[in-house]
Amino acid sequence: MRYTVSLMAALVVAALPFGALQATPLQALPAVQVSNATQATMLDAVWAGARVVAVGDHGVVLLSDDHGASFRQASAVPVSTPLTGVSFVDAQHGWAVGHWGAILATTDGGESWQLQRLSSEEDRPLFAVHFFNAQQGVAVGLWSLVLTTEDGGQTWSEQSLQAPPGSSRADLNLMGLFADGKGKLYATAEHGQVLCSEDQGKSWRYLDSGYEGTLWSGAVLADGSLLVGGQRGTLLHGNADGSDFRRLPMQSKGSVTSVAVSGSRVLVTGLDGLMAVSSDGGSSFQEKQAADGVSLTAVLLDAEGAPLLFSRRGVLTGQK
């Protein structure tokens, strides 16, 4: 059976081994409070109202209430395995996912978390999560794993994903999720696949990106069009209906890990210090590089369009 380690998993310095899905049953241990938590590899970050919530290696969850000027570690996280994705619907209610199919929930803005799901017999990681509201959510991961909930994560149902065009089975690693805020949810995946769901993740259709490599991340731009990023500096721009993807010129060969949008300002980040900024809604980009070429893993833009950067070396400060 084929196994492809995801980019997000590969970025985790001390990740659990992926040698086999069947492993010694996991004994869930809570994340340890450490003095250097801001130096942990962070893999995703979101706004929870005015608060920043970032998740990463060893179950570390970081919180900032001053727009990223300082961070502190969340006090109660029930797992110490890597957390790879996070989603909030308001300032209080959020969910995080990670290795061993872990799904965590919070009702206090990320201060404390409760375990909703853990596959202790099988390490089938979840890589991304998105909630539409406090009840309906979707999580995706290894080998076309799609989970949906209608009750805020109290119960999760696995959805069957149809095979992509030209393939006999669906065994894609689903890497990222992003939404248009109007009911459409998109997933990025291996083999250049972009998927779209209009029923909260229960069914999906494939969009033809014209690309063969893995796509890690994406976002809906201000005009409703799509921007997705992947391996070796690949950046694709498609119409709002998911048609006519075209490749944007990029000099950098670092894989794109995150796309952030704030009005007409777009920031793309990735491995080897990749940074590409657009001030015209994603029509054109100016490339630059993060200091020391550090691999960037997540990015947020504040209301003024200033970036908050996260990396395999933790939170980055002083970079614009």
Foldseek 3Di string as FASTA:
>chain_A
DDDDDDPQQVLQPDADDVPDFFDDFDDFAKQDADPPLQQAFWFEWDDAAQKIWIFFAQGWIWIDNPNQPDIHTQDAGRGGHTWAEKEHPHQAWIWIFWWQGWIWITRGNRNYIDTQDGNRRTGFGWHYKYALHQAWIWIFFFQGWIWITRGNRNDIDTAAAAPAPPDDGRGWGWAYWEDDNPQKIWTWTAQRWIWIDRPRGNYIDTACQVGGGGWHEKYQWPVQWIWTWFAQGWIWTGGNVRPDIDTADDPGGFGWQEWEYAHLWIWIFFAQFWIWIGNGGPPDTDIDGDPPSFGWNYWYADNVRDIWTAGNRGTDPDDD
